[in-house]
N, C-alpha and C. Protein backbone atom coordinates (compact mmCIF):
# COMPACT_ATOMS: atom_id res chain seq x y z
N UNK A 1 -135.24 -85.97 71.52
CA UNK A 1 -136.17 -85.02 70.95
C UNK A 1 -136.36 -85.25 69.47
N UNK A 2 -137.25 -84.47 68.86
CA UNK A 2 -137.52 -84.61 67.44
C UNK A 2 -136.51 -83.84 66.61
N UNK A 3 -136.92 -83.43 65.45
CA UNK A 3 -136.03 -82.66 64.59
C UNK A 3 -135.02 -83.54 63.90
N UNK A 4 -134.19 -82.91 63.11
CA UNK A 4 -133.20 -83.67 62.36
C UNK A 4 -132.03 -84.04 63.26
N UNK A 5 -131.66 -85.27 63.19
CA UNK A 5 -130.51 -85.72 63.98
C UNK A 5 -129.39 -85.98 63.00
N UNK A 6 -128.23 -85.47 63.32
CA UNK A 6 -127.14 -85.76 62.41
C UNK A 6 -126.02 -86.45 63.16
N UNK A 7 -125.32 -87.25 62.41
CA UNK A 7 -124.25 -88.01 63.01
C UNK A 7 -123.00 -87.88 62.19
N UNK A 8 -121.98 -88.41 62.71
CA UNK A 8 -120.74 -88.41 61.97
C UNK A 8 -120.07 -89.74 62.01
N UNK A 9 -119.48 -90.09 60.89
CA UNK A 9 -118.87 -91.40 60.75
C UNK A 9 -117.37 -91.26 60.81
N UNK A 10 -116.69 -92.28 61.28
CA UNK A 10 -115.23 -92.31 61.35
C UNK A 10 -114.75 -91.99 62.75
N UNK A 11 -113.43 -92.03 62.94
CA UNK A 11 -112.92 -91.88 64.30
C UNK A 11 -112.63 -90.44 64.64
N UNK A 12 -112.85 -90.11 65.89
CA UNK A 12 -112.52 -88.76 66.36
C UNK A 12 -111.04 -88.76 66.71
N UNK A 13 -110.38 -87.67 66.41
CA UNK A 13 -109.01 -87.55 66.91
C UNK A 13 -108.88 -86.20 67.57
N UNK A 14 -107.90 -86.06 68.43
CA UNK A 14 -107.83 -84.88 69.27
C UNK A 14 -107.18 -83.70 68.57
N UNK A 15 -107.88 -82.60 68.58
CA UNK A 15 -107.30 -81.35 68.09
C UNK A 15 -106.83 -80.62 69.35
N UNK A 16 -105.53 -80.72 69.63
CA UNK A 16 -105.00 -80.22 70.91
C UNK A 16 -105.27 -78.74 71.11
N UNK A 17 -105.21 -77.96 70.03
CA UNK A 17 -105.39 -76.51 70.16
C UNK A 17 -106.81 -76.18 70.58
N UNK A 18 -107.78 -76.79 69.91
CA UNK A 18 -109.18 -76.45 70.18
C UNK A 18 -109.74 -77.25 71.35
N UNK A 19 -109.03 -78.28 71.79
CA UNK A 19 -109.51 -79.14 72.88
C UNK A 19 -110.89 -79.70 72.56
N UNK A 20 -111.12 -80.05 71.31
CA UNK A 20 -112.38 -80.71 70.98
C UNK A 20 -112.13 -81.65 69.82
N UNK A 21 -112.92 -82.71 69.74
CA UNK A 21 -112.65 -83.70 68.71
C UNK A 21 -113.01 -83.18 67.32
N UNK A 22 -112.24 -83.57 66.37
CA UNK A 22 -112.58 -83.29 64.97
C UNK A 22 -112.93 -84.64 64.36
N UNK A 23 -113.98 -84.66 63.59
CA UNK A 23 -114.46 -85.92 63.07
C UNK A 23 -114.35 -85.92 61.56
N UNK A 24 -113.74 -86.95 61.03
CA UNK A 24 -113.59 -87.06 59.59
C UNK A 24 -114.80 -87.80 59.03
N UNK A 25 -115.32 -87.31 57.91
CA UNK A 25 -116.55 -87.88 57.38
C UNK A 25 -116.30 -88.60 56.06
N UNK A 26 -116.73 -89.85 55.97
CA UNK A 26 -116.64 -90.58 54.70
C UNK A 26 -118.01 -90.50 54.05
N UNK A 27 -118.14 -89.74 52.99
CA UNK A 27 -119.44 -89.47 52.39
C UNK A 27 -120.10 -90.73 51.86
N UNK A 28 -121.41 -90.75 51.97
CA UNK A 28 -122.19 -91.79 51.32
C UNK A 28 -122.42 -93.03 52.15
N UNK A 29 -121.78 -93.16 53.28
CA UNK A 29 -121.97 -94.37 54.08
C UNK A 29 -122.97 -94.10 55.20
N UNK A 30 -124.08 -94.76 55.16
CA UNK A 30 -125.12 -94.54 56.16
C UNK A 30 -124.84 -95.41 57.39
N UNK A 31 -124.94 -94.80 58.55
CA UNK A 31 -124.62 -95.49 59.80
C UNK A 31 -125.86 -95.53 60.67
N UNK A 32 -126.10 -96.67 61.30
CA UNK A 32 -127.23 -96.77 62.23
C UNK A 32 -126.88 -96.10 63.55
N UNK A 33 -127.92 -95.58 64.20
CA UNK A 33 -127.69 -94.99 65.51
C UNK A 33 -127.26 -93.54 65.37
N UNK A 34 -126.87 -92.94 66.47
CA UNK A 34 -126.46 -91.55 66.42
C UNK A 34 -126.79 -90.87 67.73
N UNK A 35 -126.27 -89.67 67.91
CA UNK A 35 -126.43 -89.01 69.19
C UNK A 35 -126.51 -87.50 68.99
N UNK A 36 -127.43 -86.87 69.69
CA UNK A 36 -127.56 -85.42 69.64
C UNK A 36 -126.77 -84.83 70.81
N UNK A 37 -126.64 -83.50 70.81
CA UNK A 37 -125.95 -82.83 71.91
C UNK A 37 -126.63 -83.14 73.25
N UNK A 38 -127.97 -83.10 73.24
CA UNK A 38 -128.71 -83.37 74.48
C UNK A 38 -128.41 -84.75 75.04
N UNK A 39 -128.39 -85.75 74.14
CA UNK A 39 -128.05 -87.11 74.58
C UNK A 39 -126.62 -87.15 75.13
N UNK A 40 -125.71 -86.50 74.40
CA UNK A 40 -124.30 -86.52 74.79
C UNK A 40 -124.09 -85.89 76.16
N UNK A 41 -124.79 -84.76 76.40
CA UNK A 41 -124.66 -84.07 77.69
C UNK A 41 -125.12 -84.97 78.82
N UNK A 42 -126.27 -85.61 78.65
CA UNK A 42 -126.82 -86.48 79.71
C UNK A 42 -125.93 -87.69 79.95
N UNK A 43 -125.47 -88.30 78.86
CA UNK A 43 -124.62 -89.48 78.97
C UNK A 43 -123.29 -89.14 79.65
N UNK A 44 -122.70 -88.03 79.20
CA UNK A 44 -121.43 -87.59 79.78
C UNK A 44 -121.57 -87.20 81.23
N UNK A 45 -122.68 -86.53 81.56
CA UNK A 45 -122.87 -86.07 82.94
C UNK A 45 -123.03 -87.25 83.89
N UNK A 46 -123.77 -88.27 83.47
CA UNK A 46 -123.93 -89.46 84.31
C UNK A 46 -122.57 -90.11 84.58
N UNK A 47 -121.75 -90.20 83.54
CA UNK A 47 -120.41 -90.79 83.68
C UNK A 47 -119.52 -89.91 84.55
N UNK A 48 -119.56 -88.59 84.31
CA UNK A 48 -118.73 -87.66 85.08
C UNK A 48 -119.10 -87.69 86.56
N UNK A 49 -120.41 -87.77 86.85
CA UNK A 49 -120.85 -87.79 88.25
C UNK A 49 -120.45 -89.09 88.95
N UNK A 50 -120.37 -90.17 88.18
CA UNK A 50 -119.95 -91.45 88.75
C UNK A 50 -118.44 -91.53 88.92
N UNK A 51 -117.70 -91.15 87.86
CA UNK A 51 -116.27 -91.40 87.83
C UNK A 51 -115.40 -90.22 88.26
N UNK A 52 -115.92 -89.00 88.11
CA UNK A 52 -115.08 -87.83 88.35
C UNK A 52 -115.53 -87.09 89.61
N UNK A 53 -116.63 -86.29 89.50
CA UNK A 53 -117.14 -85.53 90.65
C UNK A 53 -118.66 -85.64 90.67
N UNK A 54 -119.22 -85.99 91.81
CA UNK A 54 -120.67 -86.19 91.93
C UNK A 54 -121.46 -84.91 91.67
N UNK A 55 -120.80 -83.74 91.80
CA UNK A 55 -121.51 -82.46 91.62
C UNK A 55 -121.30 -81.87 90.22
N UNK A 56 -120.88 -82.69 89.25
CA UNK A 56 -120.57 -82.19 87.91
C UNK A 56 -121.77 -81.50 87.24
N UNK A 57 -121.55 -80.25 86.79
CA UNK A 57 -122.56 -79.45 86.11
C UNK A 57 -122.10 -79.17 84.68
N UNK A 58 -123.05 -79.02 83.75
CA UNK A 58 -122.69 -78.83 82.34
C UNK A 58 -122.28 -77.40 82.04
N UNK A 59 -121.13 -77.24 81.37
CA UNK A 59 -120.64 -75.93 80.93
C UNK A 59 -120.92 -75.73 79.44
N UNK A 60 -120.58 -76.73 78.62
CA UNK A 60 -120.78 -76.60 77.17
C UNK A 60 -120.71 -77.96 76.50
N UNK A 61 -121.23 -78.00 75.27
CA UNK A 61 -121.10 -79.19 74.42
C UNK A 61 -120.75 -78.68 73.03
N UNK A 62 -119.76 -79.29 72.38
CA UNK A 62 -119.37 -78.82 71.05
C UNK A 62 -118.96 -79.98 70.15
N UNK A 63 -119.12 -79.76 68.86
CA UNK A 63 -118.70 -80.75 67.87
C UNK A 63 -118.21 -80.01 66.63
N UNK A 64 -117.19 -80.56 65.99
CA UNK A 64 -116.71 -80.03 64.72
C UNK A 64 -116.91 -81.13 63.68
N UNK A 65 -117.53 -80.77 62.57
CA UNK A 65 -117.86 -81.73 61.52
C UNK A 65 -117.05 -81.34 60.30
N UNK A 66 -116.21 -82.23 59.81
CA UNK A 66 -115.38 -81.88 58.66
C UNK A 66 -115.66 -82.78 57.47
N UNK A 67 -115.34 -82.26 56.30
CA UNK A 67 -115.39 -83.01 55.05
C UNK A 67 -116.75 -83.60 54.72
N UNK A 68 -117.82 -82.82 54.88
CA UNK A 68 -119.10 -83.30 54.38
C UNK A 68 -119.44 -82.48 53.15
N UNK A 69 -120.07 -83.12 52.17
CA UNK A 69 -120.30 -82.46 50.89
C UNK A 69 -121.74 -82.00 50.70
N UNK A 70 -122.69 -82.78 51.20
CA UNK A 70 -124.10 -82.40 51.02
C UNK A 70 -124.77 -82.37 52.38
N UNK A 71 -125.95 -81.76 52.43
CA UNK A 71 -126.70 -81.72 53.68
C UNK A 71 -127.04 -83.16 54.11
N UNK A 72 -127.33 -84.02 53.13
CA UNK A 72 -127.66 -85.41 53.45
C UNK A 72 -126.48 -86.10 54.16
N UNK A 73 -125.26 -85.81 53.69
CA UNK A 73 -124.08 -86.39 54.33
C UNK A 73 -124.04 -86.08 55.82
N UNK A 74 -124.45 -84.86 56.13
CA UNK A 74 -124.36 -84.40 57.51
C UNK A 74 -125.21 -85.24 58.45
N UNK A 75 -126.32 -85.76 57.92
CA UNK A 75 -127.25 -86.50 58.77
C UNK A 75 -127.03 -88.00 58.73
N UNK A 76 -125.95 -88.47 58.12
CA UNK A 76 -125.77 -89.91 57.99
C UNK A 76 -124.48 -90.42 58.63
N UNK A 77 -123.87 -89.61 59.46
CA UNK A 77 -122.65 -90.07 60.13
C UNK A 77 -122.91 -90.21 61.62
N UNK A 78 -121.87 -90.16 62.42
CA UNK A 78 -122.02 -90.21 63.88
C UNK A 78 -121.32 -89.00 64.47
N UNK A 79 -122.01 -88.28 65.34
CA UNK A 79 -121.39 -87.10 65.94
C UNK A 79 -120.52 -87.51 67.11
N UNK A 80 -119.41 -86.82 67.25
CA UNK A 80 -118.58 -86.94 68.44
C UNK A 80 -118.64 -85.60 69.14
N UNK A 81 -119.09 -85.62 70.38
CA UNK A 81 -119.25 -84.38 71.14
C UNK A 81 -118.18 -84.26 72.21
N UNK A 82 -117.68 -83.04 72.41
CA UNK A 82 -116.81 -82.74 73.55
C UNK A 82 -117.69 -81.99 74.53
N UNK A 83 -117.87 -82.56 75.72
CA UNK A 83 -118.74 -81.93 76.72
C UNK A 83 -117.89 -81.56 77.93
N UNK A 84 -118.02 -80.30 78.36
CA UNK A 84 -117.24 -79.79 79.49
C UNK A 84 -118.15 -79.69 80.71
N UNK A 85 -117.66 -80.20 81.84
CA UNK A 85 -118.40 -80.15 83.11
C UNK A 85 -117.59 -79.40 84.15
N UNK A 86 -118.30 -78.80 85.11
CA UNK A 86 -117.66 -78.04 86.18
C UNK A 86 -118.04 -78.64 87.52
N UNK A 87 -117.05 -78.78 88.41
CA UNK A 87 -117.30 -79.23 89.78
C UNK A 87 -117.03 -78.09 90.74
N UNK A 88 -118.09 -77.53 91.38
CA UNK A 88 -117.87 -76.47 92.37
C UNK A 88 -117.00 -76.94 93.54
N UNK A 89 -117.19 -78.19 93.96
CA UNK A 89 -116.43 -78.71 95.10
C UNK A 89 -114.94 -78.78 94.78
N UNK A 90 -114.62 -79.28 93.58
CA UNK A 90 -113.21 -79.45 93.20
C UNK A 90 -112.62 -78.20 92.53
N UNK A 91 -113.46 -77.19 92.27
CA UNK A 91 -113.02 -75.98 91.53
C UNK A 91 -112.26 -76.37 90.26
N UNK A 92 -112.83 -77.30 89.53
CA UNK A 92 -112.16 -77.74 88.30
C UNK A 92 -113.18 -78.09 87.23
N UNK A 93 -112.69 -78.15 85.98
CA UNK A 93 -113.52 -78.56 84.86
C UNK A 93 -112.94 -79.83 84.26
N UNK A 94 -113.81 -80.65 83.70
CA UNK A 94 -113.38 -81.88 83.03
C UNK A 94 -114.05 -81.94 81.67
N UNK A 95 -113.32 -82.47 80.69
CA UNK A 95 -113.88 -82.65 79.35
C UNK A 95 -114.05 -84.14 79.08
N UNK A 96 -115.23 -84.50 78.58
CA UNK A 96 -115.52 -85.87 78.17
C UNK A 96 -115.85 -85.86 76.68
N UNK A 97 -115.41 -86.90 75.97
CA UNK A 97 -115.85 -87.06 74.59
C UNK A 97 -116.94 -88.12 74.60
N UNK A 98 -118.01 -87.87 73.86
CA UNK A 98 -119.13 -88.80 73.82
C UNK A 98 -119.38 -89.20 72.38
N UNK A 99 -119.28 -90.52 72.12
CA UNK A 99 -119.49 -91.04 70.77
C UNK A 99 -119.89 -92.51 70.88
N UNK A 100 -120.77 -92.94 70.02
CA UNK A 100 -121.19 -94.36 69.98
C UNK A 100 -121.68 -94.86 71.33
N UNK A 101 -122.40 -94.03 72.06
CA UNK A 101 -122.95 -94.46 73.34
C UNK A 101 -121.92 -94.57 74.45
N UNK A 102 -120.72 -94.05 74.22
CA UNK A 102 -119.65 -94.12 75.22
C UNK A 102 -119.21 -92.71 75.59
N UNK A 103 -119.06 -92.46 76.90
CA UNK A 103 -118.50 -91.20 77.37
C UNK A 103 -117.11 -91.50 77.91
N UNK A 104 -116.10 -90.83 77.37
CA UNK A 104 -114.72 -91.08 77.79
C UNK A 104 -114.06 -89.83 78.34
N UNK A 105 -113.41 -89.97 79.48
CA UNK A 105 -112.71 -88.86 80.11
C UNK A 105 -111.54 -88.42 79.24
N UNK A 106 -111.44 -87.12 78.99
CA UNK A 106 -110.34 -86.59 78.18
C UNK A 106 -109.31 -85.90 79.06
N UNK A 107 -109.73 -84.89 79.83
CA UNK A 107 -108.81 -84.21 80.73
C UNK A 107 -109.57 -83.40 81.76
N UNK A 108 -108.86 -82.95 82.79
CA UNK A 108 -109.45 -82.08 83.81
C UNK A 108 -108.40 -81.08 84.25
N UNK A 109 -108.87 -79.90 84.66
CA UNK A 109 -107.92 -78.91 85.18
C UNK A 109 -108.60 -78.00 86.18
N UNK A 110 -107.79 -77.49 87.11
CA UNK A 110 -108.28 -76.55 88.12
C UNK A 110 -108.55 -75.21 87.45
N UNK A 111 -109.59 -74.52 87.89
CA UNK A 111 -109.85 -73.17 87.39
C UNK A 111 -110.18 -72.27 88.58
N UNK A 112 -109.94 -70.97 88.38
CA UNK A 112 -110.18 -70.02 89.47
C UNK A 112 -111.58 -69.42 89.42
N UNK A 113 -112.03 -69.10 88.20
CA UNK A 113 -113.35 -68.47 88.08
C UNK A 113 -114.44 -69.51 87.82
N UNK A 114 -115.61 -69.26 88.37
CA UNK A 114 -116.74 -70.18 88.18
C UNK A 114 -117.35 -69.96 86.79
N UNK A 115 -117.38 -70.98 85.94
CA UNK A 115 -117.98 -70.80 84.61
C UNK A 115 -119.50 -70.86 84.69
N UNK A 116 -120.21 -70.27 83.73
CA UNK A 116 -121.67 -70.41 83.70
C UNK A 116 -122.03 -71.86 83.35
N UNK A 117 -123.01 -72.42 84.05
CA UNK A 117 -123.43 -73.79 83.79
C UNK A 117 -124.93 -73.79 83.46
N UNK A 118 -125.40 -74.89 82.87
CA UNK A 118 -126.83 -74.98 82.52
C UNK A 118 -127.31 -76.41 82.67
N UNK A 119 -128.64 -76.54 82.76
CA UNK A 119 -129.29 -77.84 82.83
C UNK A 119 -129.85 -78.15 81.45
N UNK A 120 -129.36 -79.24 80.85
CA UNK A 120 -129.74 -79.60 79.47
C UNK A 120 -131.24 -79.86 79.33
N UNK A 121 -131.93 -80.13 80.44
CA UNK A 121 -133.37 -80.38 80.36
C UNK A 121 -134.13 -79.15 79.86
N UNK A 122 -133.53 -77.96 80.04
CA UNK A 122 -134.20 -76.73 79.62
C UNK A 122 -133.84 -76.33 78.20
N UNK A 123 -133.03 -77.15 77.52
CA UNK A 123 -132.62 -76.86 76.16
C UNK A 123 -133.70 -77.35 75.21
N UNK A 124 -134.58 -76.44 74.75
CA UNK A 124 -135.69 -76.84 73.87
C UNK A 124 -135.20 -77.26 72.50
N UNK A 125 -134.15 -76.58 72.01
CA UNK A 125 -133.60 -76.87 70.69
C UNK A 125 -132.36 -77.75 70.85
N UNK A 126 -132.44 -78.98 70.37
CA UNK A 126 -131.26 -79.83 70.39
C UNK A 126 -130.44 -79.52 69.14
N UNK A 127 -129.32 -80.21 68.98
CA UNK A 127 -128.39 -79.89 67.90
C UNK A 127 -129.03 -79.97 66.52
N UNK A 128 -129.87 -80.98 66.29
CA UNK A 128 -130.50 -81.14 64.98
C UNK A 128 -131.42 -79.99 64.63
N UNK A 129 -132.26 -79.58 65.60
CA UNK A 129 -133.17 -78.47 65.34
C UNK A 129 -132.41 -77.16 65.13
N UNK A 130 -131.36 -76.95 65.94
CA UNK A 130 -130.58 -75.71 65.83
C UNK A 130 -129.90 -75.64 64.47
N UNK A 131 -129.34 -76.77 64.02
CA UNK A 131 -128.65 -76.78 62.73
C UNK A 131 -129.65 -76.57 61.60
N UNK A 132 -130.83 -77.17 61.73
CA UNK A 132 -131.88 -76.99 60.72
C UNK A 132 -132.28 -75.52 60.60
N UNK A 133 -132.36 -74.83 61.74
CA UNK A 133 -132.70 -73.40 61.73
C UNK A 133 -131.62 -72.60 61.00
N UNK A 134 -130.35 -72.94 61.26
CA UNK A 134 -129.24 -72.25 60.59
C UNK A 134 -129.33 -72.47 59.08
N UNK A 135 -129.63 -73.69 58.68
CA UNK A 135 -129.75 -74.00 57.24
C UNK A 135 -130.90 -73.21 56.61
N UNK A 136 -132.04 -73.17 57.33
CA UNK A 136 -133.23 -72.51 56.80
C UNK A 136 -133.06 -70.99 56.71
N UNK A 137 -132.10 -70.45 57.45
CA UNK A 137 -131.90 -69.00 57.47
C UNK A 137 -130.61 -68.58 56.77
N UNK A 138 -130.30 -69.26 55.67
CA UNK A 138 -129.17 -68.85 54.86
C UNK A 138 -128.03 -69.83 54.80
N UNK A 139 -128.00 -70.79 55.72
CA UNK A 139 -126.92 -71.77 55.72
C UNK A 139 -126.92 -72.65 54.48
N UNK A 140 -128.11 -72.87 53.92
CA UNK A 140 -128.21 -73.72 52.72
C UNK A 140 -127.50 -73.11 51.52
N UNK A 141 -127.30 -71.78 51.54
CA UNK A 141 -126.61 -71.11 50.43
C UNK A 141 -125.19 -71.67 50.24
N UNK A 142 -124.61 -72.22 51.31
CA UNK A 142 -123.24 -72.74 51.23
C UNK A 142 -123.20 -74.14 50.62
N UNK A 143 -124.37 -74.66 50.25
CA UNK A 143 -124.43 -76.02 49.72
C UNK A 143 -124.69 -76.04 48.22
N UNK A 144 -124.33 -74.97 47.54
CA UNK A 144 -124.48 -74.95 46.09
C UNK A 144 -123.19 -75.48 45.48
N UNK A 145 -123.31 -76.43 44.55
CA UNK A 145 -122.12 -76.95 43.87
C UNK A 145 -121.35 -77.95 44.72
N UNK A 146 -120.31 -78.52 44.13
CA UNK A 146 -119.51 -79.52 44.84
C UNK A 146 -118.43 -78.82 45.65
N UNK A 147 -118.35 -79.17 46.91
CA UNK A 147 -117.33 -78.57 47.77
C UNK A 147 -117.27 -79.34 49.08
N UNK A 148 -116.19 -79.14 49.81
CA UNK A 148 -116.12 -79.71 51.15
C UNK A 148 -116.50 -78.63 52.15
N UNK A 149 -117.22 -79.03 53.18
CA UNK A 149 -117.66 -78.07 54.18
C UNK A 149 -117.20 -78.47 55.57
N UNK A 150 -117.13 -77.49 56.42
CA UNK A 150 -116.83 -77.70 57.84
C UNK A 150 -117.92 -77.00 58.63
N UNK A 151 -118.43 -77.65 59.66
CA UNK A 151 -119.41 -76.99 60.53
C UNK A 151 -118.99 -77.19 61.97
N UNK A 152 -119.15 -76.16 62.79
CA UNK A 152 -118.91 -76.31 64.22
C UNK A 152 -120.19 -75.91 64.94
N UNK A 153 -120.52 -76.65 65.98
CA UNK A 153 -121.71 -76.37 66.78
C UNK A 153 -121.29 -76.35 68.24
N UNK A 154 -121.80 -75.38 68.97
CA UNK A 154 -121.49 -75.32 70.41
C UNK A 154 -122.69 -74.75 71.13
N UNK A 155 -123.04 -75.33 72.27
CA UNK A 155 -124.11 -74.79 73.10
C UNK A 155 -123.53 -74.47 74.47
N UNK A 156 -123.83 -73.26 74.95
CA UNK A 156 -123.37 -72.85 76.27
C UNK A 156 -124.20 -71.66 76.73
N UNK A 157 -124.11 -71.36 78.03
CA UNK A 157 -124.82 -70.22 78.59
C UNK A 157 -123.99 -68.97 78.35
N UNK A 158 -124.58 -67.97 77.70
CA UNK A 158 -123.90 -66.71 77.46
C UNK A 158 -123.90 -65.92 78.76
N UNK A 159 -122.71 -65.69 79.31
CA UNK A 159 -122.60 -65.06 80.63
C UNK A 159 -123.16 -63.64 80.63
N UNK A 160 -123.00 -62.93 79.52
CA UNK A 160 -123.46 -61.54 79.46
C UNK A 160 -124.97 -61.44 79.35
N UNK A 161 -125.56 -62.24 78.46
CA UNK A 161 -127.01 -62.13 78.23
C UNK A 161 -127.83 -63.04 79.15
N UNK A 162 -127.18 -64.06 79.70
CA UNK A 162 -127.90 -65.02 80.52
C UNK A 162 -128.70 -66.01 79.69
N UNK A 163 -128.52 -65.98 78.36
CA UNK A 163 -129.27 -66.88 77.47
C UNK A 163 -128.47 -68.16 77.21
N UNK A 164 -129.20 -69.26 77.09
CA UNK A 164 -128.59 -70.51 76.64
C UNK A 164 -128.56 -70.42 75.11
N UNK A 165 -127.36 -70.48 74.51
CA UNK A 165 -127.22 -70.20 73.09
C UNK A 165 -126.48 -71.29 72.33
N UNK A 166 -126.94 -71.49 71.10
CA UNK A 166 -126.21 -72.29 70.11
C UNK A 166 -125.35 -71.34 69.30
N UNK A 167 -124.09 -71.69 69.11
CA UNK A 167 -123.23 -70.98 68.16
C UNK A 167 -122.92 -71.97 67.05
N UNK A 168 -123.29 -71.60 65.84
CA UNK A 168 -123.10 -72.51 64.70
C UNK A 168 -122.34 -71.78 63.61
N UNK A 169 -121.29 -72.40 63.11
CA UNK A 169 -120.52 -71.83 62.00
C UNK A 169 -120.45 -72.87 60.90
N UNK A 170 -120.72 -72.44 59.67
CA UNK A 170 -120.64 -73.34 58.52
C UNK A 170 -119.70 -72.68 57.51
N UNK A 171 -118.75 -73.44 57.00
CA UNK A 171 -117.82 -72.89 56.01
C UNK A 171 -117.72 -73.80 54.81
N UNK A 172 -117.75 -73.17 53.62
CA UNK A 172 -117.50 -73.87 52.37
C UNK A 172 -116.00 -73.72 52.14
N UNK A 173 -115.25 -74.84 52.28
CA UNK A 173 -113.80 -74.76 52.20
C UNK A 173 -113.30 -74.45 50.79
N UNK A 174 -114.11 -74.76 49.80
CA UNK A 174 -113.70 -74.52 48.41
C UNK A 174 -113.77 -73.03 48.08
N UNK A 175 -114.89 -72.39 48.41
CA UNK A 175 -115.07 -70.97 48.06
C UNK A 175 -114.62 -70.03 49.18
N UNK A 176 -114.50 -70.57 50.40
CA UNK A 176 -114.15 -69.72 51.53
C UNK A 176 -115.36 -69.03 52.14
N UNK A 177 -116.53 -69.18 51.52
CA UNK A 177 -117.75 -68.54 52.05
C UNK A 177 -118.11 -69.18 53.39
N UNK A 178 -118.61 -68.37 54.32
CA UNK A 178 -118.98 -68.91 55.63
C UNK A 178 -120.13 -68.13 56.22
N UNK A 179 -120.83 -68.77 57.14
CA UNK A 179 -121.91 -68.11 57.87
C UNK A 179 -121.82 -68.51 59.34
N UNK A 180 -122.11 -67.53 60.20
CA UNK A 180 -122.11 -67.77 61.64
C UNK A 180 -123.48 -67.41 62.19
N UNK A 181 -123.96 -68.23 63.13
CA UNK A 181 -125.27 -68.01 63.73
C UNK A 181 -125.18 -68.10 65.25
N UNK A 182 -125.96 -67.27 65.93
CA UNK A 182 -126.21 -67.43 67.37
C UNK A 182 -127.73 -67.62 67.50
N UNK A 183 -128.11 -68.74 68.11
CA UNK A 183 -129.53 -69.09 68.20
C UNK A 183 -129.88 -69.38 69.66
N UNK A 184 -130.99 -68.81 70.13
CA UNK A 184 -131.45 -69.07 71.49
C UNK A 184 -131.89 -70.53 71.57
N UNK A 185 -131.28 -71.29 72.48
CA UNK A 185 -131.53 -72.73 72.57
C UNK A 185 -132.85 -73.05 73.27
N UNK A 186 -133.52 -72.02 73.79
CA UNK A 186 -134.81 -72.24 74.45
C UNK A 186 -135.96 -71.76 73.56
N UNK A 187 -135.82 -70.56 72.96
CA UNK A 187 -136.92 -70.01 72.16
C UNK A 187 -136.78 -70.29 70.67
N UNK A 188 -135.55 -70.58 70.21
CA UNK A 188 -135.32 -70.78 68.79
C UNK A 188 -135.10 -69.48 68.03
N UNK A 189 -135.07 -68.35 68.76
CA UNK A 189 -134.85 -67.05 68.11
C UNK A 189 -133.41 -66.97 67.58
N UNK A 190 -133.29 -66.45 66.36
CA UNK A 190 -131.95 -66.23 65.81
C UNK A 190 -131.47 -64.89 66.33
N UNK A 191 -130.45 -64.93 67.19
CA UNK A 191 -129.96 -63.74 67.87
C UNK A 191 -129.03 -62.93 66.99
N UNK A 192 -128.26 -63.60 66.17
CA UNK A 192 -127.40 -62.89 65.23
C UNK A 192 -126.97 -63.86 64.13
N UNK A 193 -126.65 -63.28 62.97
CA UNK A 193 -126.07 -64.08 61.91
C UNK A 193 -125.17 -63.19 61.07
N UNK A 194 -124.10 -63.77 60.56
CA UNK A 194 -123.16 -63.00 59.76
C UNK A 194 -122.57 -63.90 58.70
N UNK A 195 -121.92 -63.26 57.72
CA UNK A 195 -121.28 -64.03 56.66
C UNK A 195 -122.04 -63.90 55.35
């Protein structure tokens, strides 16, 4: 899709507590290529359906971006996405990490309750557009002066509202200032913001 695409540079390593990759960013180095959440979901799902369970459905996609200093930095790295899939047949979920055009199996576990799943084809707002909306609605305020920032992005179906939603959090690690956004991934409506 269109919109701003951002990537992250450097290697992903496992954050065991959060069960999602954290990516370290080396500022100023422009990298060719890149991947959005939508691309990551499709790539991971094709791999999951081949290697894990043929009925794999998407539960969520998330990325944590650390140590970026300017908005430009954010768009010049490579994103590493953690994508979770659910298999109704196996009653289990599996997590794949997707980076550099590769989807790699991380782990799988049995679950009792059926998680909400979604079809990425209906996601009108990909990660770049969603992040741009967050920036345009106050997120840019966190980019004043020199500081290190952390951003987390996650897309999933909200079980209570039935909406496909982006959850975006941006934090200025130097000042401690932060902003959180919930954005409808289909309409682009900002459902809530705080910070």
